[in-house]
Amino acid sequence: MATSELTRQALFNAVENLMRKKSLDDLQIGQISDAAGVSRNTLYYHFSDKYEILDALLKSRLIPVVEPLLTRESWARSLEAAAAQLRQDPAFTMHALHTYGRVNLGTVLREIYEGFLRQQLQLSHPDLSAKEQGLIVRFYTHAIVGLLQDWINLGMKQDVGEAIAVITRAIHENIFQSRKE
């Protein structure tokens, strides 16, 4: 592995370990660089701030398990895969959700699912205006992310499958099904 990738991984590990105890908002850059064993300058060479580290860290953990399942046929399984990934480290997940800076777990999830839903809606309903599509996509993106956020806030103990089934049915009936069907 290249030195640059090793440094990024050390920063990811440091943020992950530190965030098991507190939110990223409560961490200082110096704490992160010290925990990673790198200088502040090295940290800033790789990332502009601590929120960019969290963004890259969350994407590195979620995208590989979610994106392969983002198809019309299997996207609901992507929610199950995301939930399984998040359940692996509950303390980190809770703090990643409750970070109030410009990036948190919710913003990353919204980015992942909004792009997918926008693409699917354009395929199924090309006759809708960009404004209408935007409103519909935001509505369902908020529903998906809100579902996961509620599940996290309730301790990730419940079976998230039932809620996923309800959201899946609504999205299939309203986004995936074209008006011509």
N, C-alpha and C. Protein backbone atom coordinates (compact mmCIF):
# COMPACT_ATOMS: atom_id res chain seq x y z
N MET A 1 0.86 -1.18 0.00
CA MET A 1 0.00 0.00 0.00
C MET A 1 0.90 1.24 0.00
N ALA A 2 0.58 2.22 -0.79
CA ALA A 2 1.37 3.44 -0.89
C ALA A 2 1.32 4.23 0.42
N THR A 3 2.35 5.00 0.66
CA THR A 3 2.45 5.79 1.88
C THR A 3 1.24 6.71 2.05
N SER A 4 0.82 7.31 0.97
CA SER A 4 -0.34 8.21 1.02
C SER A 4 -1.59 7.48 1.50
N GLU A 5 -1.79 6.27 0.99
CA GLU A 5 -2.96 5.49 1.39
C GLU A 5 -2.84 5.04 2.84
N LEU A 6 -1.63 4.70 3.26
CA LEU A 6 -1.40 4.32 4.66
C LEU A 6 -1.72 5.49 5.60
N THR A 7 -1.33 6.69 5.19
CA THR A 7 -1.60 7.88 6.00
C THR A 7 -3.10 8.13 6.09
N ARG A 8 -3.79 8.03 4.96
CA ARG A 8 -5.25 8.22 4.96
C ARG A 8 -5.91 7.19 5.87
N GLN A 9 -5.45 5.94 5.79
CA GLN A 9 -6.03 4.89 6.62
C GLN A 9 -5.75 5.15 8.09
N ALA A 10 -4.57 5.65 8.41
CA ALA A 10 -4.24 5.98 9.80
C ALA A 10 -5.16 7.10 10.30
N LEU A 11 -5.44 8.07 9.45
CA LEU A 11 -6.36 9.15 9.83
C LEU A 11 -7.78 8.62 10.00
N PHE A 12 -8.21 7.74 9.11
CA PHE A 12 -9.53 7.12 9.25
C PHE A 12 -9.62 6.36 10.58
N ASN A 13 -8.61 5.56 10.86
CA ASN A 13 -8.62 4.77 12.10
C ASN A 13 -8.65 5.68 13.32
N ALA A 14 -7.88 6.76 13.28
CA ALA A 14 -7.85 7.69 14.41
C ALA A 14 -9.22 8.32 14.63
N VAL A 15 -9.84 8.79 13.56
CA VAL A 15 -11.16 9.42 13.69
C VAL A 15 -12.18 8.40 14.17
N GLU A 16 -12.13 7.21 13.62
CA GLU A 16 -13.07 6.17 14.03
C GLU A 16 -12.91 5.85 15.52
N ASN A 17 -11.69 5.67 15.96
CA ASN A 17 -11.43 5.36 17.38
C ASN A 17 -11.85 6.50 18.29
N LEU A 18 -11.50 7.72 17.93
CA LEU A 18 -11.85 8.88 18.75
C LEU A 18 -13.37 9.09 18.79
N MET A 19 -14.03 8.81 17.67
CA MET A 19 -15.48 9.04 17.61
C MET A 19 -16.28 7.93 18.29
N ARG A 20 -15.64 6.95 18.80
CA ARG A 20 -16.35 5.98 19.63
C ARG A 20 -16.68 6.59 20.99
N LYS A 21 -15.98 7.68 21.31
CA LYS A 21 -16.17 8.34 22.60
C LYS A 21 -16.88 9.67 22.50
N LYS A 22 -16.74 10.36 21.37
CA LYS A 22 -17.37 11.68 21.23
C LYS A 22 -17.59 12.05 19.78
N SER A 23 -18.40 13.04 19.58
CA SER A 23 -18.72 13.54 18.24
C SER A 23 -17.49 14.22 17.63
N LEU A 24 -17.44 14.22 16.34
CA LEU A 24 -16.37 14.91 15.63
C LEU A 24 -16.31 16.39 16.00
N ASP A 25 -17.47 16.97 16.28
CA ASP A 25 -17.51 18.38 16.67
C ASP A 25 -16.68 18.65 17.92
N ASP A 26 -16.55 17.66 18.78
CA ASP A 26 -15.82 17.81 20.04
C ASP A 26 -14.34 17.46 19.92
N LEU A 27 -13.91 17.07 18.73
CA LEU A 27 -12.50 16.70 18.52
C LEU A 27 -11.73 17.86 17.89
N GLN A 28 -10.49 17.98 18.27
CA GLN A 28 -9.60 18.98 17.70
C GLN A 28 -8.69 18.30 16.67
N ILE A 29 -8.25 19.07 15.68
CA ILE A 29 -7.36 18.55 14.65
C ILE A 29 -6.12 17.93 15.29
N GLY A 30 -5.58 18.58 16.32
CA GLY A 30 -4.39 18.06 16.99
C GLY A 30 -4.61 16.69 17.60
N GLN A 31 -5.80 16.46 18.14
CA GLN A 31 -6.12 15.15 18.71
C GLN A 31 -6.13 14.08 17.61
N ILE A 32 -6.67 14.44 16.48
CA ILE A 32 -6.75 13.49 15.36
C ILE A 32 -5.36 13.19 14.82
N SER A 33 -4.56 14.23 14.58
CA SER A 33 -3.21 14.01 14.03
C SER A 33 -2.35 13.22 15.03
N ASP A 34 -2.46 13.54 16.31
CA ASP A 34 -1.70 12.79 17.33
C ASP A 34 -2.11 11.32 17.35
N ALA A 35 -3.41 11.07 17.33
CA ALA A 35 -3.90 9.69 17.36
C ALA A 35 -3.49 8.91 16.12
N ALA A 36 -3.35 9.61 14.99
CA ALA A 36 -2.94 8.96 13.75
C ALA A 36 -1.43 8.83 13.64
N GLY A 37 -0.71 9.57 14.50
CA GLY A 37 0.75 9.53 14.44
C GLY A 37 1.32 10.31 13.28
N VAL A 38 0.61 11.37 12.89
CA VAL A 38 1.08 12.23 11.79
C VAL A 38 1.06 13.68 12.26
N SER A 39 1.76 14.53 11.55
CA SER A 39 1.77 15.95 11.88
C SER A 39 0.47 16.61 11.39
N ARG A 40 0.18 17.76 11.93
CA ARG A 40 -0.98 18.52 11.47
C ARG A 40 -0.83 18.86 9.99
N ASN A 41 0.39 19.20 9.57
CA ASN A 41 0.63 19.53 8.15
C ASN A 41 0.32 18.33 7.26
N THR A 42 0.67 17.14 7.72
CA THR A 42 0.38 15.94 6.94
C THR A 42 -1.13 15.73 6.85
N LEU A 43 -1.82 15.92 7.97
CA LEU A 43 -3.27 15.81 7.95
C LEU A 43 -3.86 16.78 6.93
N TYR A 44 -3.39 18.04 6.97
CA TYR A 44 -3.93 19.05 6.05
C TYR A 44 -3.49 18.82 4.60
N TYR A 45 -2.43 18.07 4.40
CA TYR A 45 -2.04 17.71 3.04
C TYR A 45 -3.09 16.79 2.43
N HIS A 46 -3.63 15.91 3.25
CA HIS A 46 -4.60 14.92 2.76
C HIS A 46 -6.05 15.38 2.83
N PHE A 47 -6.38 16.20 3.81
CA PHE A 47 -7.76 16.64 4.02
C PHE A 47 -7.78 18.10 4.42
N SER A 48 -8.81 18.82 4.00
CA SER A 48 -8.90 20.24 4.32
C SER A 48 -9.35 20.49 5.75
N ASP A 49 -10.09 19.54 6.33
CA ASP A 49 -10.55 19.68 7.72
C ASP A 49 -11.07 18.33 8.22
N LYS A 50 -11.49 18.30 9.46
CA LYS A 50 -11.93 17.04 10.07
C LYS A 50 -13.22 16.52 9.44
N TYR A 51 -14.04 17.41 8.90
CA TYR A 51 -15.28 16.97 8.28
C TYR A 51 -15.02 16.27 6.95
N GLU A 52 -13.99 16.70 6.26
CA GLU A 52 -13.62 16.02 5.02
C GLU A 52 -13.11 14.60 5.32
N ILE A 53 -12.42 14.45 6.45
CA ILE A 53 -11.98 13.11 6.86
C ILE A 53 -13.20 12.23 7.11
N LEU A 54 -14.17 12.75 7.87
CA LEU A 54 -15.38 11.97 8.17
C LEU A 54 -16.13 11.62 6.89
N ASP A 55 -16.25 12.55 5.98
CA ASP A 55 -16.93 12.30 4.71
C ASP A 55 -16.25 11.15 3.97
N ALA A 56 -14.94 11.22 3.83
CA ALA A 56 -14.20 10.17 3.12
C ALA A 56 -14.27 8.84 3.86
N LEU A 57 -14.20 8.90 5.18
CA LEU A 57 -14.28 7.68 5.99
C LEU A 57 -15.63 7.00 5.82
N LEU A 58 -16.70 7.75 5.97
CA LEU A 58 -18.04 7.16 5.83
C LEU A 58 -18.25 6.60 4.43
N LYS A 59 -17.82 7.34 3.43
CA LYS A 59 -17.97 6.85 2.05
C LYS A 59 -17.15 5.59 1.82
N SER A 60 -15.95 5.53 2.42
CA SER A 60 -15.10 4.34 2.24
C SER A 60 -15.73 3.12 2.89
N ARG A 61 -16.56 3.33 3.92
CA ARG A 61 -17.20 2.21 4.61
C ARG A 61 -18.54 1.84 3.97
N LEU A 62 -19.28 2.84 3.50
CA LEU A 62 -20.64 2.59 3.00
C LEU A 62 -20.72 2.30 1.50
N ILE A 63 -20.02 3.06 0.71
CA ILE A 63 -20.17 2.92 -0.75
C ILE A 63 -19.84 1.52 -1.25
N PRO A 64 -18.76 0.87 -0.79
CA PRO A 64 -18.49 -0.48 -1.29
C PRO A 64 -19.58 -1.50 -0.98
N VAL A 65 -20.32 -1.32 0.10
CA VAL A 65 -21.38 -2.28 0.42
C VAL A 65 -22.73 -1.87 -0.15
N VAL A 66 -22.93 -0.59 -0.39
CA VAL A 66 -24.23 -0.08 -0.85
C VAL A 66 -24.30 0.02 -2.37
N GLU A 67 -23.31 0.63 -3.00
CA GLU A 67 -23.40 0.91 -4.43
C GLU A 67 -23.62 -0.31 -5.32
N PRO A 68 -22.98 -1.46 -5.06
CA PRO A 68 -23.25 -2.62 -5.93
C PRO A 68 -24.72 -3.06 -5.91
N LEU A 69 -25.43 -2.67 -4.87
CA LEU A 69 -26.84 -3.07 -4.74
C LEU A 69 -27.81 -1.98 -5.21
N LEU A 70 -27.28 -0.86 -5.67
CA LEU A 70 -28.16 0.24 -6.11
C LEU A 70 -28.62 0.01 -7.54
N THR A 71 -29.51 -0.95 -7.67
CA THR A 71 -30.19 -1.20 -8.93
C THR A 71 -31.67 -1.22 -8.63
N ARG A 72 -32.45 -1.13 -9.65
CA ARG A 72 -33.89 -1.16 -9.49
C ARG A 72 -34.36 -2.41 -8.77
N GLU A 73 -33.68 -3.52 -9.04
CA GLU A 73 -34.09 -4.80 -8.47
C GLU A 73 -33.60 -5.01 -7.04
N SER A 74 -32.46 -4.44 -6.67
CA SER A 74 -31.85 -4.80 -5.39
C SER A 74 -31.60 -3.64 -4.45
N TRP A 75 -32.10 -2.46 -4.75
CA TRP A 75 -31.75 -1.30 -3.94
C TRP A 75 -32.20 -1.45 -2.48
N ALA A 76 -33.31 -2.16 -2.22
CA ALA A 76 -33.77 -2.35 -0.84
C ALA A 76 -32.73 -3.14 -0.05
N ARG A 77 -32.05 -4.06 -0.71
CA ARG A 77 -30.98 -4.79 -0.04
C ARG A 77 -29.82 -3.87 0.30
N SER A 78 -29.69 -2.77 -0.44
CA SER A 78 -28.62 -1.81 -0.12
C SER A 78 -28.88 -1.16 1.23
N LEU A 79 -30.16 -0.96 1.57
CA LEU A 79 -30.50 -0.42 2.89
C LEU A 79 -30.16 -1.43 3.98
N GLU A 80 -30.44 -2.68 3.73
CA GLU A 80 -30.10 -3.72 4.69
C GLU A 80 -28.58 -3.81 4.86
N ALA A 81 -27.85 -3.68 3.75
CA ALA A 81 -26.38 -3.72 3.81
C ALA A 81 -25.85 -2.51 4.57
N ALA A 82 -26.43 -1.34 4.34
CA ALA A 82 -26.01 -0.14 5.06
C ALA A 82 -26.27 -0.31 6.55
N ALA A 83 -27.45 -0.84 6.89
CA ALA A 83 -27.78 -1.05 8.31
C ALA A 83 -26.81 -2.03 8.95
N ALA A 84 -26.48 -3.10 8.24
CA ALA A 84 -25.53 -4.08 8.78
C ALA A 84 -24.16 -3.44 9.00
N GLN A 85 -23.73 -2.63 8.06
CA GLN A 85 -22.44 -1.94 8.19
C GLN A 85 -22.45 -1.00 9.38
N LEU A 86 -23.51 -0.24 9.53
CA LEU A 86 -23.62 0.73 10.63
C LEU A 86 -23.71 0.04 11.98
N ARG A 87 -24.35 -1.10 12.02
CA ARG A 87 -24.53 -1.85 13.27
C ARG A 87 -23.20 -2.40 13.79
N GLN A 88 -22.19 -2.52 12.94
CA GLN A 88 -20.90 -3.08 13.35
C GLN A 88 -20.19 -2.23 14.39
N ASP A 89 -20.43 -0.94 14.38
CA ASP A 89 -19.74 -0.04 15.33
C ASP A 89 -20.75 0.99 15.85
N PRO A 90 -21.61 0.58 16.79
CA PRO A 90 -22.70 1.45 17.23
C PRO A 90 -22.26 2.79 17.80
N ALA A 91 -21.21 2.82 18.57
CA ALA A 91 -20.77 4.09 19.18
C ALA A 91 -20.30 5.06 18.11
N PHE A 92 -19.50 4.58 17.18
CA PHE A 92 -19.05 5.43 16.09
C PHE A 92 -20.24 5.91 15.26
N THR A 93 -21.14 4.99 14.94
CA THR A 93 -22.32 5.33 14.12
C THR A 93 -23.15 6.42 14.79
N MET A 94 -23.39 6.29 16.08
CA MET A 94 -24.18 7.28 16.79
C MET A 94 -23.50 8.66 16.76
N HIS A 95 -22.20 8.68 16.98
CA HIS A 95 -21.48 9.97 16.95
C HIS A 95 -21.39 10.53 15.52
N ALA A 96 -21.29 9.65 14.53
CA ALA A 96 -21.25 10.12 13.14
C ALA A 96 -22.59 10.74 12.75
N LEU A 97 -23.67 10.19 13.28
CA LEU A 97 -25.00 10.75 13.02
C LEU A 97 -25.17 12.09 13.72
N HIS A 98 -24.65 12.20 14.93
CA HIS A 98 -24.86 13.40 15.73
C HIS A 98 -23.70 14.38 15.67
N THR A 99 -23.00 14.38 14.56
CA THR A 99 -22.01 15.42 14.28
C THR A 99 -22.79 16.53 13.59
N TYR A 100 -22.58 17.76 14.04
CA TYR A 100 -23.41 18.85 13.53
C TYR A 100 -22.66 19.78 12.59
N GLY A 101 -21.48 19.41 12.17
CA GLY A 101 -20.74 20.19 11.19
C GLY A 101 -21.35 20.01 9.81
N ARG A 102 -20.62 20.38 8.81
CA ARG A 102 -21.16 20.34 7.45
C ARG A 102 -21.32 18.93 6.88
N VAL A 103 -20.71 17.94 7.53
CA VAL A 103 -20.83 16.55 7.10
C VAL A 103 -21.17 15.69 8.31
N ASN A 104 -22.11 14.78 8.12
CA ASN A 104 -22.39 13.76 9.12
C ASN A 104 -22.93 12.53 8.39
N LEU A 105 -23.28 11.53 9.13
CA LEU A 105 -23.78 10.31 8.52
C LEU A 105 -25.00 10.58 7.63
N GLY A 106 -25.89 11.44 8.08
CA GLY A 106 -27.09 11.76 7.30
C GLY A 106 -26.77 12.39 5.96
N THR A 107 -25.80 13.29 5.92
CA THR A 107 -25.46 13.94 4.64
C THR A 107 -24.87 12.94 3.66
N VAL A 108 -24.07 12.01 4.16
CA VAL A 108 -23.48 10.99 3.28
C VAL A 108 -24.56 10.06 2.74
N LEU A 109 -25.45 9.61 3.61
CA LEU A 109 -26.55 8.74 3.16
C LEU A 109 -27.44 9.46 2.15
N ARG A 110 -27.74 10.73 2.42
CA ARG A 110 -28.57 11.49 1.47
C ARG A 110 -27.89 11.57 0.10
N GLU A 111 -26.61 11.82 0.09
CA GLU A 111 -25.88 11.91 -1.18
C GLU A 111 -25.95 10.60 -1.96
N ILE A 112 -25.76 9.50 -1.27
CA ILE A 112 -25.80 8.18 -1.93
C ILE A 112 -27.17 7.90 -2.52
N TYR A 113 -28.22 8.05 -1.72
CA TYR A 113 -29.56 7.66 -2.18
C TYR A 113 -30.21 8.70 -3.08
N GLU A 114 -29.90 9.96 -2.90
CA GLU A 114 -30.49 10.98 -3.76
C GLU A 114 -30.07 10.79 -5.21
N GLY A 115 -28.80 10.51 -5.44
CA GLY A 115 -28.34 10.30 -6.81
C GLY A 115 -29.02 9.11 -7.46
N PHE A 116 -29.14 8.03 -6.72
CA PHE A 116 -29.79 6.84 -7.25
C PHE A 116 -31.26 7.10 -7.57
N LEU A 117 -31.99 7.71 -6.63
CA LEU A 117 -33.41 7.97 -6.85
C LEU A 117 -33.64 8.94 -8.00
N ARG A 118 -32.78 9.94 -8.13
CA ARG A 118 -32.92 10.90 -9.23
C ARG A 118 -32.79 10.18 -10.57
N GLN A 119 -31.79 9.32 -10.67
CA GLN A 119 -31.58 8.56 -11.90
C GLN A 119 -32.80 7.69 -12.22
N GLN A 120 -33.33 7.01 -11.22
CA GLN A 120 -34.47 6.13 -11.44
C GLN A 120 -35.73 6.90 -11.81
N LEU A 121 -35.94 8.03 -11.19
CA LEU A 121 -37.12 8.84 -11.49
C LEU A 121 -37.04 9.40 -12.91
N GLN A 122 -35.86 9.80 -13.33
CA GLN A 122 -35.71 10.30 -14.70
C GLN A 122 -36.00 9.22 -15.73
N LEU A 123 -35.64 7.98 -15.40
CA LEU A 123 -35.94 6.87 -16.31
C LEU A 123 -37.43 6.57 -16.36
N SER A 124 -38.10 6.60 -15.23
CA SER A 124 -39.51 6.22 -15.15
C SER A 124 -40.47 7.35 -15.50
N HIS A 125 -40.08 8.58 -15.20
CA HIS A 125 -40.98 9.73 -15.37
C HIS A 125 -40.26 10.91 -16.04
N PRO A 126 -39.80 10.72 -17.27
CA PRO A 126 -39.07 11.80 -17.93
C PRO A 126 -39.95 13.01 -18.23
N ASP A 127 -41.25 12.83 -18.16
CA ASP A 127 -42.19 13.91 -18.45
C ASP A 127 -42.30 14.91 -17.30
N LEU A 128 -41.83 14.56 -16.11
CA LEU A 128 -41.90 15.49 -14.98
C LEU A 128 -40.85 16.59 -15.14
N SER A 129 -41.19 17.76 -14.68
CA SER A 129 -40.22 18.86 -14.73
C SER A 129 -39.09 18.59 -13.75
N ALA A 130 -37.98 19.28 -13.94
CA ALA A 130 -36.84 19.13 -13.03
C ALA A 130 -37.25 19.50 -11.61
N LYS A 131 -38.10 20.50 -11.47
CA LYS A 131 -38.56 20.91 -10.14
C LYS A 131 -39.38 19.81 -9.49
N GLU A 132 -40.31 19.23 -10.26
CA GLU A 132 -41.13 18.14 -9.72
C GLU A 132 -40.27 16.94 -9.34
N GLN A 133 -39.33 16.60 -10.21
CA GLN A 133 -38.43 15.49 -9.91
C GLN A 133 -37.63 15.77 -8.65
N GLY A 134 -37.12 16.98 -8.52
CA GLY A 134 -36.35 17.36 -7.34
C GLY A 134 -37.14 17.21 -6.05
N LEU A 135 -38.40 17.64 -6.07
CA LEU A 135 -39.25 17.53 -4.88
C LEU A 135 -39.51 16.07 -4.51
N ILE A 136 -39.81 15.26 -5.51
CA ILE A 136 -40.10 13.85 -5.27
C ILE A 136 -38.85 13.14 -4.74
N VAL A 137 -37.72 13.40 -5.37
CA VAL A 137 -36.47 12.77 -4.94
C VAL A 137 -36.12 13.17 -3.52
N ARG A 138 -36.25 14.44 -3.20
CA ARG A 138 -35.94 14.89 -1.83
C ARG A 138 -36.88 14.24 -0.82
N PHE A 139 -38.14 14.14 -1.17
CA PHE A 139 -39.11 13.51 -0.26
C PHE A 139 -38.70 12.08 0.07
N TYR A 140 -38.44 11.28 -0.95
CA TYR A 140 -38.10 9.88 -0.71
C TYR A 140 -36.71 9.72 -0.12
N THR A 141 -35.79 10.59 -0.46
CA THR A 141 -34.46 10.55 0.15
C THR A 141 -34.57 10.81 1.65
N HIS A 142 -35.37 11.81 2.01
CA HIS A 142 -35.58 12.10 3.43
C HIS A 142 -36.27 10.93 4.14
N ALA A 143 -37.17 10.27 3.45
CA ALA A 143 -37.84 9.11 4.05
C ALA A 143 -36.83 7.99 4.32
N ILE A 144 -35.98 7.71 3.37
CA ILE A 144 -34.99 6.65 3.52
C ILE A 144 -34.00 6.99 4.63
N VAL A 145 -33.44 8.17 4.55
CA VAL A 145 -32.43 8.58 5.54
C VAL A 145 -33.06 8.74 6.92
N GLY A 146 -34.26 9.28 6.96
CA GLY A 146 -34.96 9.41 8.24
C GLY A 146 -35.22 8.06 8.88
N LEU A 147 -35.59 7.10 8.08
CA LEU A 147 -35.81 5.74 8.57
C LEU A 147 -34.53 5.21 9.23
N LEU A 148 -33.40 5.35 8.55
CA LEU A 148 -32.14 4.87 9.11
C LEU A 148 -31.73 5.67 10.34
N GLN A 149 -31.95 6.98 10.31
CA GLN A 149 -31.61 7.81 11.47
C GLN A 149 -32.45 7.42 12.69
N ASP A 150 -33.74 7.21 12.49
CA ASP A 150 -34.59 6.79 13.61
C ASP A 150 -34.13 5.44 14.16
N TRP A 151 -33.80 4.53 13.28
CA TRP A 151 -33.34 3.21 13.69
C TRP A 151 -32.05 3.33 14.52
N ILE A 152 -31.14 4.19 14.08
CA ILE A 152 -29.89 4.41 14.83
C ILE A 152 -30.21 5.02 16.19
N ASN A 153 -31.04 6.05 16.20
CA ASN A 153 -31.38 6.72 17.46
C ASN A 153 -32.08 5.81 18.45
N LEU A 154 -32.75 4.77 17.96
CA LEU A 154 -33.42 3.81 18.84
C LEU A 154 -32.50 2.66 19.25
N GLY A 155 -31.22 2.82 18.94
CA GLY A 155 -30.23 1.86 19.41
C GLY A 155 -29.88 0.73 18.45
N MET A 156 -30.42 0.76 17.24
CA MET A 156 -30.14 -0.23 16.21
C MET A 156 -30.47 -1.66 16.66
N LYS A 157 -31.42 -1.78 17.55
CA LYS A 157 -31.79 -3.10 18.07
C LYS A 157 -32.95 -3.73 17.30
N GLN A 158 -33.84 -2.90 16.79
CA GLN A 158 -35.01 -3.42 16.08
C GLN A 158 -34.60 -4.00 14.72
N ASP A 159 -35.49 -4.84 14.21
CA ASP A 159 -35.32 -5.34 12.86
C ASP A 159 -35.73 -4.22 11.91
N VAL A 160 -34.78 -3.73 11.16
CA VAL A 160 -35.05 -2.62 10.27
C VAL A 160 -35.78 -3.08 9.01
N GLY A 161 -35.89 -4.39 8.82
CA GLY A 161 -36.48 -4.95 7.61
C GLY A 161 -37.92 -4.55 7.36
N GLU A 162 -38.74 -4.50 8.40
CA GLU A 162 -40.15 -4.14 8.23
C GLU A 162 -40.29 -2.71 7.70
N ALA A 163 -39.54 -1.79 8.26
CA ALA A 163 -39.59 -0.40 7.80
C ALA A 163 -39.05 -0.29 6.37
N ILE A 164 -38.01 -1.04 6.07
CA ILE A 164 -37.47 -1.03 4.71
C ILE A 164 -38.52 -1.53 3.72
N ALA A 165 -39.27 -2.55 4.10
CA ALA A 165 -40.32 -3.09 3.22
C ALA A 165 -41.38 -2.04 2.90
N VAL A 166 -41.76 -1.24 3.89
CA VAL A 166 -42.77 -0.20 3.66
C VAL A 166 -42.23 0.88 2.72
N ILE A 167 -41.02 1.34 2.98
CA ILE A 167 -40.40 2.37 2.13
C ILE A 167 -40.21 1.82 0.72
N THR A 168 -39.79 0.57 0.61
CA THR A 168 -39.57 -0.05 -0.70
C THR A 168 -40.85 -0.07 -1.52
N ARG A 169 -41.93 -0.46 -0.89
CA ARG A 169 -43.22 -0.52 -1.61
C ARG A 169 -43.62 0.87 -2.09
N ALA A 170 -43.47 1.87 -1.26
CA ALA A 170 -43.85 3.24 -1.64
C ALA A 170 -42.99 3.73 -2.81
N ILE A 171 -41.72 3.46 -2.75
CA ILE A 171 -40.83 3.93 -3.82
C ILE A 171 -41.11 3.18 -5.11
N HIS A 172 -41.33 1.88 -5.03
CA HIS A 172 -41.63 1.11 -6.24
C HIS A 172 -42.92 1.59 -6.89
N GLU A 173 -43.90 1.93 -6.10
CA GLU A 173 -45.18 2.36 -6.65
C GLU A 173 -45.12 3.79 -7.19
N ASN A 174 -44.20 4.61 -6.69
CA ASN A 174 -44.21 6.01 -7.06
C ASN A 174 -43.02 6.48 -7.89
N ILE A 175 -41.93 5.79 -7.86
CA ILE A 175 -40.77 6.21 -8.63
C ILE A 175 -40.47 5.22 -9.74
N PHE A 176 -40.41 3.93 -9.42
CA PHE A 176 -39.98 2.95 -10.39
C PHE A 176 -41.04 2.61 -11.44
N GLN A 177 -42.28 2.77 -11.07
CA GLN A 177 -43.36 2.43 -11.98
C GLN A 177 -43.64 3.61 -12.89
N SER A 178 -43.50 3.41 -14.19
CA SER A 178 -43.75 4.54 -15.08
C SER A 178 -45.26 4.77 -15.20
N ARG A 179 -45.60 5.94 -15.61
CA ARG A 179 -47.02 6.29 -15.75
C ARG A 179 -47.68 5.52 -16.86
N LYS A 180 -46.89 5.00 -17.77
CA LYS A 180 -47.43 4.28 -18.93
C LYS A 180 -47.79 2.83 -18.57
N GLU A 181 -47.26 2.34 -17.44
CA GLU A 181 -47.53 0.94 -17.06
C GLU A 181 -48.95 0.74 -16.61
